[in-house]
């Protein structure tokens, strides 16, 4: 199993965990209230679950699915970084969103490389 495969599984499982937490954990309800984005908590949780499962399904079926899922997660994390800056969170609170944006970008880049090689 290569590095990108490990990153893909780690990222997928992380987003499945985060998505489930986003939907059910009181802590996440409070966090979204702190972000002043309570109305988007369910949508974000569902998108995280879809992205995480998309990475897993795509890994076994299609680089196109991985590319779509990872790009969606990348965009979600970039928006997370913007929100963190907007509410003036410190850098330590912002680093996880930056890291997951980076990981998602790496996965997306790799899947696009595979798609190009297939043609």
PDB file of N, CA and C in Angstrom:
ATOM      1  N   UNK A   1       0.865  -1.187   0.000  1.00  0.00           N
ATOM      2  CA  UNK A   1       0.000   0.000   0.000  1.00  0.00           C
ATOM      3  C   UNK A   1       0.900   1.235   0.000  1.00  0.00           C
ATOM      4  N   UNK A   2       0.692   2.094  -0.977  1.00  0.00           N
ATOM      5  CA  UNK A   2       1.513   3.281  -1.126  1.00  0.00           C
ATOM      6  C   UNK A   2       1.068   4.428  -0.232  1.00  0.00           C
ATOM      7  N   UNK A   3       1.859   5.476  -0.246  1.00  0.00           N
ATOM      8  CA  UNK A   3       1.603   6.648   0.591  1.00  0.00           C
ATOM      9  C   UNK A   3       0.256   7.285   0.284  1.00  0.00           C
ATOM     10  N   UNK A   4      -0.059   7.451  -0.996  1.00  0.00           N
ATOM     11  CA  UNK A   4      -1.329   8.090  -1.353  1.00  0.00           C
ATOM     12  C   UNK A   4      -2.506   7.219  -0.929  1.00  0.00           C
ATOM     13  N   UNK A   5      -2.347   5.911  -1.007  1.00  0.00           N
ATOM     14  CA  UNK A   5      -3.408   5.007  -0.543  1.00  0.00           C
ATOM     15  C   UNK A   5      -3.639   5.179   0.959  1.00  0.00           C
ATOM     16  N   UNK A   6      -2.558   5.256   1.712  1.00  0.00           N
ATOM     17  CA  UNK A   6      -2.674   5.445   3.168  1.00  0.00           C
ATOM     18  C   UNK A   6      -3.343   6.782   3.464  1.00  0.00           C
ATOM     19  N   UNK A   7      -2.906   7.833   2.759  1.00  0.00           N
ATOM     20  CA  UNK A   7      -3.513   9.156   2.936  1.00  0.00           C
ATOM     21  C   UNK A   7      -5.005   9.107   2.590  1.00  0.00           C
ATOM     22  N   UNK A   8      -5.350   8.390   1.533  1.00  0.00           N
ATOM     23  CA  UNK A   8      -6.751   8.292   1.113  1.00  0.00           C
ATOM     24  C   UNK A   8      -7.591   7.618   2.188  1.00  0.00           C
ATOM     25  N   UNK A   9      -7.123   6.492   2.705  1.00  0.00           N
ATOM     26  CA  UNK A   9      -7.887   5.796   3.749  1.00  0.00           C
ATOM     27  C   UNK A   9      -7.970   6.620   5.026  1.00  0.00           C
ATOM     28  N   UNK A  10      -6.869   7.220   5.423  1.00  0.00           N
ATOM     29  CA  UNK A  10      -6.871   8.060   6.620  1.00  0.00           C
ATOM     30  C   UNK A  10      -7.863   9.209   6.471  1.00  0.00           C
ATOM     31  N   UNK A  11      -7.810   9.880   5.332  1.00  0.00           N
ATOM     32  CA  UNK A  11      -8.696  11.018   5.088  1.00  0.00           C
ATOM     33  C   UNK A  11     -10.146  10.571   5.024  1.00  0.00           C
ATOM     34  N   UNK A  12     -10.402   9.471   4.347  1.00  0.00           N
ATOM     35  CA  UNK A  12     -11.769   8.952   4.240  1.00  0.00           C
ATOM     36  C   UNK A  12     -12.340   8.639   5.622  1.00  0.00           C
ATOM     37  N   UNK A  13     -11.602   7.899   6.413  1.00  0.00           N
ATOM     38  CA  UNK A  13     -12.090   7.532   7.748  1.00  0.00           C
ATOM     39  C   UNK A  13     -12.252   8.753   8.642  1.00  0.00           C
ATOM     40  N   UNK A  14     -11.344   9.713   8.513  1.00  0.00           N
ATOM     41  CA  UNK A  14     -11.454  10.948   9.288  1.00  0.00           C
ATOM     42  C   UNK A  14     -12.749  11.687   8.957  1.00  0.00           C
ATOM     43  N   UNK A  15     -13.038  11.835   7.661  1.00  0.00           N
ATOM     44  CA  UNK A  15     -14.241  12.565   7.276  1.00  0.00           C
ATOM     45  C   UNK A  15     -15.516  11.805   7.629  1.00  0.00           C
ATOM     46  N   UNK A  16     -15.476  10.498   7.589  1.00  0.00           N
ATOM     47  CA  UNK A  16     -16.642   9.726   8.037  1.00  0.00           C
ATOM     48  C   UNK A  16     -16.865   9.976   9.524  1.00  0.00           C
ATOM     49  N   UNK A  17     -15.797   9.956  10.307  1.00  0.00           N
ATOM     50  CA  UNK A  17     -15.906  10.246  11.736  1.00  0.00           C
ATOM     51  C   UNK A  17     -16.395  11.673  11.969  1.00  0.00           C
ATOM     52  N   UNK A  18     -15.786  12.651  11.279  1.00  0.00           N
ATOM     53  CA  UNK A  18     -16.173  14.056  11.460  1.00  0.00           C
ATOM     54  C   UNK A  18     -17.616  14.289  11.022  1.00  0.00           C
ATOM     55  N   UNK A  19     -18.008  13.681   9.910  1.00  0.00           N
ATOM     56  CA  UNK A  19     -19.375  13.848   9.424  1.00  0.00           C
ATOM     57  C   UNK A  19     -20.393  13.307  10.406  1.00  0.00           C
ATOM     58  N   UNK A  20     -20.113  12.127  10.943  1.00  0.00           N
ATOM     59  CA  UNK A  20     -21.014  11.534  11.939  1.00  0.00           C
ATOM     60  C   UNK A  20     -21.057  12.399  13.198  1.00  0.00           C
ATOM     61  N   UNK A  21     -19.909  12.889  13.626  1.00  0.00           N
ATOM     62  CA  UNK A  21     -19.862  13.777  14.793  1.00  0.00           C
ATOM     63  C   UNK A  21     -20.645  15.051  14.547  1.00  0.00           C
ATOM     64  N   UNK A  22     -20.492  15.581  13.360  1.00  0.00           N
ATOM     65  CA  UNK A  22     -21.172  16.822  12.988  1.00  0.00           C
ATOM     66  C   UNK A  22     -22.690  16.658  13.093  1.00  0.00           C
ATOM     67  N   UNK A  23     -23.170  15.480  12.757  1.00  0.00           N
ATOM     68  CA  UNK A  23     -24.614  15.232  12.771  1.00  0.00           C
ATOM     69  C   UNK A  23     -25.146  14.944  14.173  1.00  0.00           C
ATOM     70  N   UNK A  24     -24.310  14.375  15.046  1.00  0.00           N
ATOM     71  CA  UNK A  24     -24.852  13.846  16.301  1.00  0.00           C
ATOM     72  C   UNK A  24     -24.265  14.398  17.602  1.00  0.00           C
ATOM     73  N   UNK A  25     -23.068  14.938  17.570  1.00  0.00           N
ATOM     74  CA  UNK A  25     -22.407  15.315  18.825  1.00  0.00           C
ATOM     75  C   UNK A  25     -22.786  16.733  19.274  1.00  0.00           C
ATOM     76  N   UNK A  26     -23.164  16.890  20.536  1.00  0.00           N
ATOM     77  CA  UNK A  26     -23.480  18.221  21.067  1.00  0.00           C
ATOM     78  C   UNK A  26     -22.316  19.203  20.929  1.00  0.00           C
ATOM     79  N   UNK A  27     -21.085  18.693  21.047  1.00  0.00           N
ATOM     80  CA  UNK A  27     -19.914  19.553  20.902  1.00  0.00           C
ATOM     81  C   UNK A  27     -19.920  20.229  19.530  1.00  0.00           C
ATOM     82  N   UNK A  28     -20.244  19.473  18.494  1.00  0.00           N
ATOM     83  CA  UNK A  28     -20.248  20.036  17.141  1.00  0.00           C
ATOM     84  C   UNK A  28     -21.401  21.026  16.961  1.00  0.00           C
ATOM     85  N   UNK A  29     -22.506  20.776  17.623  1.00  0.00           N
ATOM     86  CA  UNK A  29     -23.602  21.754  17.583  1.00  0.00           C
ATOM     87  C   UNK A  29     -23.126  23.084  18.160  1.00  0.00           C
ATOM     88  N   UNK A  30     -22.406  23.011  19.267  1.00  0.00           N
ATOM     89  CA  UNK A  30     -21.872  24.236  19.882  1.00  0.00           C
ATOM     90  C   UNK A  30     -20.836  24.909  18.985  1.00  0.00           C
ATOM     91  N   UNK A  31     -19.992  24.105  18.346  1.00  0.00           N
ATOM     92  CA  UNK A  31     -18.977  24.674  17.448  1.00  0.00           C
ATOM     93  C   UNK A  31     -19.639  25.431  16.291  1.00  0.00           C
ATOM     94  N   UNK A  32     -20.669  24.864  15.704  1.00  0.00           N
ATOM     95  CA  UNK A  32     -21.327  25.543  14.592  1.00  0.00           C
ATOM     96  C   UNK A  32     -22.060  26.795  15.073  1.00  0.00           C
ATOM     97  N   UNK A  33     -22.516  26.799  16.304  1.00  0.00           N
ATOM     98  CA  UNK A  33     -23.094  28.021  16.868  1.00  0.00           C
ATOM     99  C   UNK A  33     -21.985  29.064  17.018  1.00  0.00           C
ATOM    100  N   UNK A  34     -20.799  28.634  17.446  1.00  0.00           N
ATOM    101  CA  UNK A  34     -19.658  29.541  17.590  1.00  0.00           C
ATOM    102  C   UNK A  34     -19.246  30.108  16.236  1.00  0.00           C
ATOM    103  N   UNK A  35     -19.352  29.308  15.200  1.00  0.00           N
ATOM    104  CA  UNK A  35     -19.031  29.774  13.849  1.00  0.00           C
ATOM    105  C   UNK A  35     -20.129  30.666  13.278  1.00  0.00           C
ATOM    106  N   UNK A  36     -21.270  30.703  13.964  1.00  0.00           N
ATOM    107  CA  UNK A  36     -22.464  31.398  13.471  1.00  0.00           C
ATOM    108  C   UNK A  36     -22.966  30.767  12.168  1.00  0.00           C
ATOM    109  N   UNK A  37     -22.875  29.429  12.133  1.00  0.00           N
ATOM    110  CA  UNK A  37     -23.274  28.678  10.938  1.00  0.00           C
ATOM    111  C   UNK A  37     -24.154  27.473  11.298  1.00  0.00           C
ATOM    112  N   UNK A  38     -24.934  27.596  12.349  1.00  0.00           N
ATOM    113  CA  UNK A  38     -25.756  26.476  12.814  1.00  0.00           C
ATOM    114  C   UNK A  38     -26.629  25.890  11.715  1.00  0.00           C
ATOM    115  N   UNK A  39     -27.117  26.755  10.834  1.00  0.00           N
ATOM    116  CA  UNK A  39     -28.035  26.304   9.794  1.00  0.00           C
ATOM    117  C   UNK A  39     -27.345  25.406   8.762  1.00  0.00           C
ATOM    118  N   UNK A  40     -26.014  25.350   8.765  1.00  0.00           N
ATOM    119  CA  UNK A  40     -25.281  24.538   7.796  1.00  0.00           C
ATOM    120  C   UNK A  40     -24.672  23.270   8.386  1.00  0.00           C
ATOM    121  N   UNK A  41     -24.863  23.034   9.666  1.00  0.00           N
ATOM    122  CA  UNK A  41     -24.232  21.888  10.340  1.00  0.00           C
ATOM    123  C   UNK A  41     -24.618  20.565   9.685  1.00  0.00           C
ATOM    124  N   UNK A  42     -25.891  20.353   9.425  1.00  0.00           N
ATOM    125  CA  UNK A  42     -26.348  19.091   8.834  1.00  0.00           C
ATOM    126  C   UNK A  42     -25.779  18.939   7.419  1.00  0.00           C
ATOM    127  N   UNK A  43     -25.823  20.003   6.639  1.00  0.00           N
ATOM    128  CA  UNK A  43     -25.296  19.960   5.270  1.00  0.00           C
ATOM    129  C   UNK A  43     -23.807  19.615   5.297  1.00  0.00           C
ATOM    130  N   UNK A  44     -23.062  20.255   6.173  1.00  0.00           N
ATOM    131  CA  UNK A  44     -21.620  19.992   6.264  1.00  0.00           C
ATOM    132  C   UNK A  44     -21.383  18.546   6.682  1.00  0.00           C
ATOM    133  N   UNK A  45     -22.132  18.057   7.645  1.00  0.00           N
ATOM    134  CA  UNK A  45     -21.982  16.667   8.086  1.00  0.00           C
ATOM    135  C   UNK A  45     -22.262  15.682   6.963  1.00  0.00           C
ATOM    136  N   UNK A  46     -23.315  15.924   6.213  1.00  0.00           N
ATOM    137  CA  UNK A  46     -23.652  15.042   5.090  1.00  0.00           C
ATOM    138  C   UNK A  46     -22.566  15.116   4.016  1.00  0.00           C
ATOM    139  N   UNK A  47     -22.087  16.312   3.715  1.00  0.00           N
ATOM    140  CA  UNK A  47     -21.026  16.447   2.716  1.00  0.00           C
ATOM    141  C   UNK A  47     -19.749  15.741   3.162  1.00  0.00           C
ATOM    142  N   UNK A  48     -19.430  15.816   4.446  1.00  0.00           N
ATOM    143  CA  UNK A  48     -18.253  15.109   4.955  1.00  0.00           C
ATOM    144  C   UNK A  48     -18.432  13.599   4.816  1.00  0.00           C
ATOM    145  N   UNK A  49     -19.615  13.102   5.153  1.00  0.00           N
ATOM    146  CA  UNK A  49     -19.880  11.668   4.994  1.00  0.00           C
ATOM    147  C   UNK A  49     -19.801  11.247   3.531  1.00  0.00           C
ATOM    148  N   UNK A  50     -20.426  12.021   2.652  1.00  0.00           N
ATOM    149  CA  UNK A  50     -20.382  11.702   1.220  1.00  0.00           C
ATOM    150  C   UNK A  50     -18.946  11.708   0.697  1.00  0.00           C
ATOM    151  N   UNK A  51     -18.173  12.714   1.114  1.00  0.00           N
ATOM    152  CA  UNK A  51     -16.779  12.787   0.685  1.00  0.00           C
ATOM    153  C   UNK A  51     -15.959  11.615   1.186  1.00  0.00           C
ATOM    154  N   UNK A  52     -16.125  11.285   2.456  1.00  0.00           N
ATOM    155  CA  UNK A  52     -15.386  10.154   3.031  1.00  0.00           C
ATOM    156  C   UNK A  52     -15.743   8.839   2.358  1.00  0.00           C
ATOM    157  N   UNK A  53     -17.044   8.585   2.194  1.00  0.00           N
ATOM    158  CA  UNK A  53     -17.464   7.354   1.527  1.00  0.00           C
ATOM    159  C   UNK A  53     -17.086   7.386   0.047  1.00  0.00           C
ATOM    160  N   UNK A  54     -17.115   8.566  -0.562  1.00  0.00           N
ATOM    161  CA  UNK A  54     -16.694   8.695  -1.957  1.00  0.00           C
ATOM    162  C   UNK A  54     -15.238   8.304  -2.146  1.00  0.00           C
ATOM    163  N   UNK A  55     -14.390   8.683  -1.203  1.00  0.00           N
ATOM    164  CA  UNK A  55     -12.977   8.288  -1.285  1.00  0.00           C
ATOM    165  C   UNK A  55     -12.835   6.772  -1.206  1.00  0.00           C
ATOM    166  N   UNK A  56     -13.569   6.154  -0.289  1.00  0.00           N
ATOM    167  CA  UNK A  56     -13.478   4.694  -0.145  1.00  0.00           C
ATOM    168  C   UNK A  56     -14.028   3.969  -1.362  1.00  0.00           C
ATOM    169  N   UNK A  57     -15.211   4.361  -1.815  1.00  0.00           N
ATOM    170  CA  UNK A  57     -15.823   3.719  -2.980  1.00  0.00           C
ATOM    171  C   UNK A  57     -14.949   3.948  -4.209  1.00  0.00           C
ATOM    172  N   UNK A  58     -14.486   5.174  -4.384  1.00  0.00           N
ATOM    173  CA  UNK A  58     -13.646   5.499  -5.532  1.00  0.00           C
ATOM    174  C   UNK A  58     -12.341   4.731  -5.539  1.00  0.00           C
ATOM    175  N   UNK A  59     -11.794   4.487  -4.373  1.00  0.00           N
ATOM    176  CA  UNK A  59     -10.533   3.748  -4.290  1.00  0.00           C
ATOM    177  C   UNK A  59     -10.675   2.378  -4.945  1.00  0.00           C
ATOM    178  N   UNK A  60     -11.822   1.759  -4.764  1.00  0.00           N
ATOM    179  CA  UNK A  60     -12.037   0.419  -5.293  1.00  0.00           C
ATOM    180  C   UNK A  60     -12.697   0.396  -6.667  1.00  0.00           C
ATOM    181  N   UNK A  61     -13.220   1.544  -7.109  1.00  0.00           N
ATOM    182  CA  UNK A  61     -13.975   1.515  -8.358  1.00  0.00           C
ATOM    183  C   UNK A  61     -13.487   2.472  -9.434  1.00  0.00           C
ATOM    184  N   UNK A  62     -13.194   3.730  -9.076  1.00  0.00           N
ATOM    185  CA  UNK A  62     -12.955   4.708 -10.127  1.00  0.00           C
ATOM    186  C   UNK A  62     -12.177   5.927  -9.623  1.00  0.00           C
ATOM    187  N   UNK A  63     -11.112   6.298 -10.331  1.00  0.00           N
ATOM    188  CA  UNK A  63     -10.393   7.514  -9.960  1.00  0.00           C
ATOM    189  C   UNK A  63     -11.246   8.774 -10.170  1.00  0.00           C
ATOM    190  N   UNK A  64     -12.261   8.672 -11.026  1.00  0.00           N
ATOM    191  CA  UNK A  64     -13.160   9.813 -11.224  1.00  0.00           C
ATOM    192  C   UNK A  64     -13.930  10.124  -9.939  1.00  0.00           C
ATOM    193  N   UNK A  65     -14.358   9.078  -9.251  1.00  0.00           N
ATOM    194  CA  UNK A  65     -15.089   9.272  -7.986  1.00  0.00           C
ATOM    195  C   UNK A  65     -14.150   9.851  -6.933  1.00  0.00           C
ATOM    196  N   UNK A  66     -12.927   9.344  -6.883  1.00  0.00           N
ATOM    197  CA  UNK A  66     -11.954   9.886  -5.927  1.00  0.00           C
ATOM    198  C   UNK A  66     -11.694  11.360  -6.225  1.00  0.00           C
ATOM    199  N   UNK A  67     -11.521  11.695  -7.505  1.00  0.00           N
ATOM    200  CA  UNK A  67     -11.253  13.085  -7.876  1.00  0.00           C
ATOM    201  C   UNK A  67     -12.402  13.986  -7.436  1.00  0.00           C
ATOM    202  N   UNK A  68     -13.621  13.572  -7.695  1.00  0.00           N
ATOM    203  CA  UNK A  68     -14.789  14.371  -7.309  1.00  0.00           C
ATOM    204  C   UNK A  68     -14.896  14.505  -5.790  1.00  0.00           C
ATOM    205  N   UNK A  69     -14.770  13.384  -5.083  1.00  0.00           N
ATOM    206  CA  UNK A  69     -14.885  13.407  -3.620  1.00  0.00           C
ATOM    207  C   UNK A  69     -13.775  14.247  -2.990  1.00  0.00           C
ATOM    208  N   UNK A  70     -12.551  14.055  -3.435  1.00  0.00           N
ATOM    209  CA  UNK A  70     -11.435  14.786  -2.833  1.00  0.00           C
ATOM    210  C   UNK A  70     -11.495  16.274  -3.163  1.00  0.00           C
ATOM    211  N   UNK A  71     -11.933  16.610  -4.369  1.00  0.00           N
ATOM    212  CA  UNK A  71     -12.074  18.026  -4.705  1.00  0.00           C
ATOM    213  C   UNK A  71     -13.169  18.668  -3.847  1.00  0.00           C
ATOM    214  N   UNK A  72     -14.274  17.967  -3.652  1.00  0.00           N
ATOM    215  CA  UNK A  72     -15.340  18.482  -2.788  1.00  0.00           C
ATOM    216  C   UNK A  72     -14.858  18.679  -1.362  1.00  0.00           C
ATOM    217  N   UNK A  73     -14.093  17.718  -0.843  1.00  0.00           N
ATOM    218  CA  UNK A  73     -13.555  17.851   0.516  1.00  0.00           C
ATOM    219  C   UNK A  73     -12.541  18.982   0.597  1.00  0.00           C
ATOM    220  N   UNK A  74     -11.745  19.140  -0.454  1.00  0.00           N
ATOM    221  CA  UNK A  74     -10.797  20.256  -0.508  1.00  0.00           C
ATOM    222  C   UNK A  74     -11.542  21.590  -0.398  1.00  0.00           C
ATOM    223  N   UNK A  75     -12.593  21.752  -1.198  1.00  0.00           N
ATOM    224  CA  UNK A  75     -13.373  22.995  -1.143  1.00  0.00           C
ATOM    225  C   UNK A  75     -14.001  23.202   0.237  1.00  0.00           C
ATOM    226  N   UNK A  76     -14.528  22.130   0.805  1.00  0.00           N
ATOM    227  CA  UNK A  76     -15.137  22.211   2.137  1.00  0.00           C
ATOM    228  C   UNK A  76     -14.112  22.673   3.166  1.00  0.00           C
ATOM    229  N   UNK A  77     -12.901  22.158   3.096  1.00  0.00           N
ATOM    230  CA  UNK A  77     -11.864  22.525   4.059  1.00  0.00           C
ATOM    231  C   UNK A  77     -11.343  23.936   3.818  1.00  0.00           C
ATOM    232  N   UNK A  78     -11.278  24.367   2.571  1.00  0.00           N
ATOM    233  CA  UNK A  78     -10.881  25.753   2.297  1.00  0.00           C
ATOM    234  C   UNK A  78     -11.923  26.695   2.907  1.00  0.00           C
ATOM    235  N   UNK A  79     -13.192  26.349   2.761  1.00  0.00           N
ATOM    236  CA  UNK A  79     -14.236  27.175   3.396  1.00  0.00           C
ATOM    237  C   UNK A  79     -14.093  27.135   4.914  1.00  0.00           C
ATOM    238  N   UNK A  80     -13.697  25.976   5.452  1.00  0.00           N
ATOM    239  CA  UNK A  80     -13.459  25.870   6.886  1.00  0.00           C
ATOM    240  C   UNK A  80     -12.330  26.774   7.346  1.00  0.00           C
ATOM    241  N   UNK A  81     -11.273  26.851   6.550  1.00  0.00           N
ATOM    242  CA  UNK A  81     -10.150  27.736   6.870  1.00  0.00           C
ATOM    243  C   UNK A  81     -10.624  29.188   6.861  1.00  0.00           C
ATOM    244  N   UNK A  82     -11.395  29.562   5.858  1.00  0.00           N
ATOM    245  CA  UNK A  82     -11.910  30.931   5.758  1.00  0.00           C
ATOM    246  C   UNK A  82     -12.764  31.263   6.986  1.00  0.00           C
ATOM    247  N   UNK A  83     -13.623  30.326   7.383  1.00  0.00           N
ATOM    248  CA  UNK A  83     -14.464  30.554   8.566  1.00  0.00           C
ATOM    249  C   UNK A  83     -13.596  30.730   9.803  1.00  0.00           C
ATOM    250  N   UNK A  84     -12.597  29.887   9.951  1.00  0.00           N
ATOM    251  CA  UNK A  84     -11.707  29.986  11.116  1.00  0.00           C
ATOM    252  C   UNK A  84     -11.011  31.343  11.175  1.00  0.00           C
ATOM    253  N   UNK A  85     -10.552  31.834  10.021  1.00  0.00           N
ATOM    254  CA  UNK A  85      -9.931  33.166   9.992  1.00  0.00           C
ATOM    255  C   UNK A  85     -10.957  34.245  10.298  1.00  0.00           C
ATOM    256  N   UNK A  86     -12.144  34.083   9.762  1.00  0.00           N
ATOM    257  CA  UNK A  86     -13.197  35.092   9.941  1.00  0.00           C
ATOM    258  C   UNK A  86     -13.581  35.243  11.416  1.00  0.00           C
ATOM    259  N   UNK A  87     -13.639  34.118  12.140  1.00  0.00           N
ATOM    260  CA  UNK A  87     -14.017  34.202  13.552  1.00  0.00           C
ATOM    261  C   UNK A  87     -12.793  34.397  14.452  1.00  0.00           C
ATOM    262  N   UNK A  88     -11.636  34.585  13.805  1.00  0.00           N
ATOM    263  CA  UNK A  88     -10.386  34.896  14.501  1.00  0.00           C
ATOM    264  C   UNK A  88      -9.887  33.771  15.408  1.00  0.00           C
ATOM    265  N   UNK A  89     -10.066  32.527  14.967  1.00  0.00           N
ATOM    266  CA  UNK A  89      -9.448  31.403  15.667  1.00  0.00           C
ATOM    267  C   UNK A  89      -7.933  31.516  15.514  1.00  0.00           C
ATOM    268  N   UNK A  90      -7.208  30.955  16.472  1.00  0.00           N
ATOM    269  CA  UNK A  90      -5.748  30.999  16.375  1.00  0.00           C
ATOM    270  C   UNK A  90      -5.256  29.944  15.380  1.00  0.00           C
ATOM    271  N   UNK A  91      -3.983  29.975  15.089  1.00  0.00           N
ATOM    272  CA  UNK A  91      -3.428  29.100  14.061  1.00  0.00           C
ATOM    273  C   UNK A  91      -3.551  27.627  14.450  1.00  0.00           C
ATOM    274  N   UNK A  92      -3.406  27.307  15.732  1.00  0.00           N
ATOM    275  CA  UNK A  92      -3.546  25.910  16.159  1.00  0.00           C
ATOM    276  C   UNK A  92      -4.952  25.376  15.928  1.00  0.00           C
ATOM    277  N   UNK A  93      -5.943  26.237  16.038  1.00  0.00           N
ATOM    278  CA  UNK A  93      -7.318  25.822  15.771  1.00  0.00           C
ATOM    279  C   UNK A  93      -7.567  25.700  14.270  1.00  0.00           C
ATOM    280  N   UNK A  94      -6.774  26.371  13.467  1.00  0.00           N
ATOM    281  CA  UNK A  94      -6.963  26.402  12.022  1.00  0.00           C
ATOM    282  C   UNK A  94      -6.155  25.323  11.297  1.00  0.00           C
ATOM    283  N   UNK A  95      -5.060  24.879  11.892  1.00  0.00           N
ATOM    284  CA  UNK A  95      -4.172  23.911  11.251  1.00  0.00           C
ATOM    285  C   UNK A  95      -4.882  22.634  10.791  1.00  0.00           C
ATOM    286  N   UNK A  96      -5.785  22.032  11.569  1.00  0.00           N
ATOM    287  CA  UNK A  96      -6.429  20.813  11.058  1.00  0.00           C
ATOM    288  C   UNK A  96      -7.174  21.032   9.735  1.00  0.00           C
ATOM    289  N   UNK A  97      -7.876  22.138   9.597  1.00  0.00           N
ATOM    290  CA  UNK A  97      -8.579  22.411   8.340  1.00  0.00           C
ATOM    291  C   UNK A  97      -7.584  22.596   7.199  1.00  0.00           C
ATOM    292  N   UNK A  98      -6.480  23.276   7.476  1.00  0.00           N
ATOM    293  CA  UNK A  98      -5.437  23.455   6.459  1.00  0.00           C
ATOM    294  C   UNK A  98      -4.852  22.092   6.072  1.00  0.00           C
ATOM    295  N   UNK A  99      -4.571  21.266   7.065  1.00  0.00           N
ATOM    296  CA  UNK A  99      -3.977  19.948   6.805  1.00  0.00           C
ATOM    297  C   UNK A  99      -4.914  19.075   5.978  1.00  0.00           C
ATOM    298  N   UNK A 100      -6.206  19.058   6.328  1.00  0.00           N
ATOM    299  CA  UNK A 100      -7.143  18.234   5.559  1.00  0.00           C
ATOM    300  C   UNK A 100      -7.381  18.802   4.165  1.00  0.00           C
ATOM    301  N   UNK A 101      -7.296  20.110   3.997  1.00  0.00           N
ATOM    302  CA  UNK A 101      -7.371  20.696   2.652  1.00  0.00           C
ATOM    303  C   UNK A 101      -6.174  20.214   1.837  1.00  0.00           C
ATOM    304  N   UNK A 102      -4.994  20.230   2.444  1.00  0.00           N
ATOM    305  CA  UNK A 102      -3.786  19.772   1.763  1.00  0.00           C
ATOM    306  C   UNK A 102      -3.888  18.292   1.389  1.00  0.00           C
ATOM    307  N   UNK A 103      -4.294  17.452   2.338  1.00  0.00           N
ATOM    308  CA  UNK A 103      -4.431  16.017   2.066  1.00  0.00           C
ATOM    309  C   UNK A 103      -5.430  15.764   0.939  1.00  0.00           C
ATOM    310  N   UNK A 104      -6.547  16.481   0.976  1.00  0.00           N
ATOM    311  CA  UNK A 104      -7.554  16.327  -0.077  1.00  0.00           C
ATOM    312  C   UNK A 104      -7.004  16.759  -1.425  1.00  0.00           C
ATOM    313  N   UNK A 105      -6.205  17.819  -1.440  1.00  0.00           N
ATOM    314  CA  UNK A 105      -5.592  18.283  -2.688  1.00  0.00           C
ATOM    315  C   UNK A 105      -4.607  17.247  -3.235  1.00  0.00           C
ATOM    316  N   UNK A 106      -3.829  16.625  -2.356  1.00  0.00           N
ATOM    317  CA  UNK A 106      -2.889  15.588  -2.774  1.00  0.00           C
ATOM    318  C   UNK A 106      -3.646  14.411  -3.402  1.00  0.00           C
ATOM    319  N   UNK A 107      -4.715  14.000  -2.755  1.00  0.00           N
ATOM    320  CA  UNK A 107      -5.520  12.886  -3.274  1.00  0.00           C
ATOM    321  C   UNK A 107      -6.119  13.257  -4.628  1.00  0.00           C
ATOM    322  N   UNK A 108      -6.649  14.453  -4.737  1.00  0.00           N
ATOM    323  CA  UNK A 108      -7.254  14.913  -5.987  1.00  0.00           C
ATOM    324  C   UNK A 108      -6.208  14.954  -7.103  1.00  0.00           C
ATOM    325  N   UNK A 109      -5.066  15.530  -6.818  1.00  0.00           N
ATOM    326  CA  UNK A 109      -3.987  15.614  -7.801  1.00  0.00           C
ATOM    327  C   UNK A 109      -3.593  14.222  -8.288  1.00  0.00           C
ATOM    328  N   UNK A 110      -3.430  13.298  -7.356  1.00  0.00           N
ATOM    329  CA  UNK A 110      -3.041  11.938  -7.711  1.00  0.00           C
ATOM    330  C   UNK A 110      -4.115  11.260  -8.561  1.00  0.00           C
ATOM    331  N   UNK A 111      -5.362  11.446  -8.223  1.00  0.00           N
ATOM    332  CA  UNK A 111      -6.429  10.804  -8.996  1.00  0.00           C
ATOM    333  C   UNK A 111      -6.523  11.405 -10.399  1.00  0.00           C
ATOM    334  N   UNK A 112      -6.292  12.693 -10.522  1.00  0.00           N
ATOM    335  CA  UNK A 112      -6.295  13.325 -11.856  1.00  0.00           C
ATOM    336  C   UNK A 112      -5.117  12.800 -12.687  1.00  0.00           C
ATOM    337  N   UNK A 113      -3.961  12.602 -12.055  1.00  0.00           N
ATOM    338  CA  UNK A 113      -2.818  12.008 -12.746  1.00  0.00           C
ATOM    339  C   UNK A 113      -3.170  10.621 -13.288  1.00  0.00           C
ATOM    340  N   UNK A 114      -3.857   9.842 -12.478  1.00  0.00           N
ATOM    341  CA  UNK A 114      -4.267   8.488 -12.900  1.00  0.00           C
ATOM    342  C   UNK A 114      -5.243   8.583 -14.068  1.00  0.00           C
ATOM    343  N   UNK A 115      -6.190   9.500 -13.972  1.00  0.00           N
ATOM    344  CA  UNK A 115      -7.172   9.670 -15.046  1.00  0.00           C
ATOM    345  C   UNK A 115      -6.462  10.035 -16.353  1.00  0.00           C
ATOM    346  N   UNK A 116      -5.506  10.935 -16.296  1.00  0.00           N
ATOM    347  CA  UNK A 116      -4.763  11.356 -17.495  1.00  0.00           C
ATOM    348  C   UNK A 116      -3.982  10.175 -18.083  1.00  0.00           C
ATOM    349  N   UNK A 117      -3.380   9.375 -17.219  1.00  0.00           N
ATOM    350  CA  UNK A 117      -2.604   8.212 -17.684  1.00  0.00           C
ATOM    351  C   UNK A 117      -3.504   7.161 -18.345  1.00  0.00           C
ATOM    352  N   UNK A 118      -4.757   7.101 -17.919  1.00  0.00           N
ATOM    353  CA  UNK A 118      -5.696   6.117 -18.485  1.00  0.00           C
ATOM    354  C   UNK A 118      -6.070   6.479 -19.926  1.00  0.00           C
ATOM    355  N   UNK A 119      -5.908   7.718 -20.317  1.00  0.00           N
ATOM    356  CA  UNK A 119      -6.371   8.147 -21.641  1.00  0.00           C
ATOM    357  C   UNK A 119      -5.347   7.930 -22.714  1.00  0.00           C
TER     358      UNK A 119
END
